Amino acid sequence: MQHGRSKVVKNTIPTFLLSLSAGFFAVSAAQARELQGRLGLGYNSEFGNGALPSVSLKYALARDLGTELVIGVNTAAPTSTLGAFKISKGLFRETNLNFSAFAGAGMVTLSGTSGFEGLVGFGLEFFIPGLESVGFSTDTGVSLGNSSGSFTVRTLGVSFLNAGIHFYF
């Protein structure tokens, strides 16, 4: 009798592990984060070299096309203002991550100096499982502008602390 019981346990363990593995892989094959028609409210500090954290509104017009409006104001002397617009095109989508190309342009006034700033590059927005409506963004690319009084080109590499965090409704 002891021998029969041992055989049942030996056959049950591999079956249990196989079932558990199948369930794990089924969960990881889920669809990418769908943002179409959702409004994201958060912040963005990419424009103005991160000198003026700004309020940001993101909206996904289509599955792979999104827009972002960025507005920042500082009334303390010296005053600063920022108004910008970004558009992004989705390239790759994973379960909790969306990778895209973007272009943006805006007018920046920092410490009394005004000018134009443009951004172009690649970015990603990732979502922590369990926080399905909170997106953390990072971007890399090139910034072109004249807000410092002369034309400048600089590389752009911003973490989620500057590129933005958004809550999607």
Foldseek 3Di string as FASTA:
>chain_A
DVVVVVVVVVVVVVVVVVVVVVVVVVVQQDWFQFQAAKKWWKWAQQPPVSPFIWIKIKHAPDRFKIKMWTWTWDPPPVTKIKTKMKMWGWDDGGHFKTKIWMKMKIWIADNNFIKIKIWTFIKMWGDDVVLSFKTQMWTWGWMWMCRVPHTDIDTDTGGSVHGIMIGID
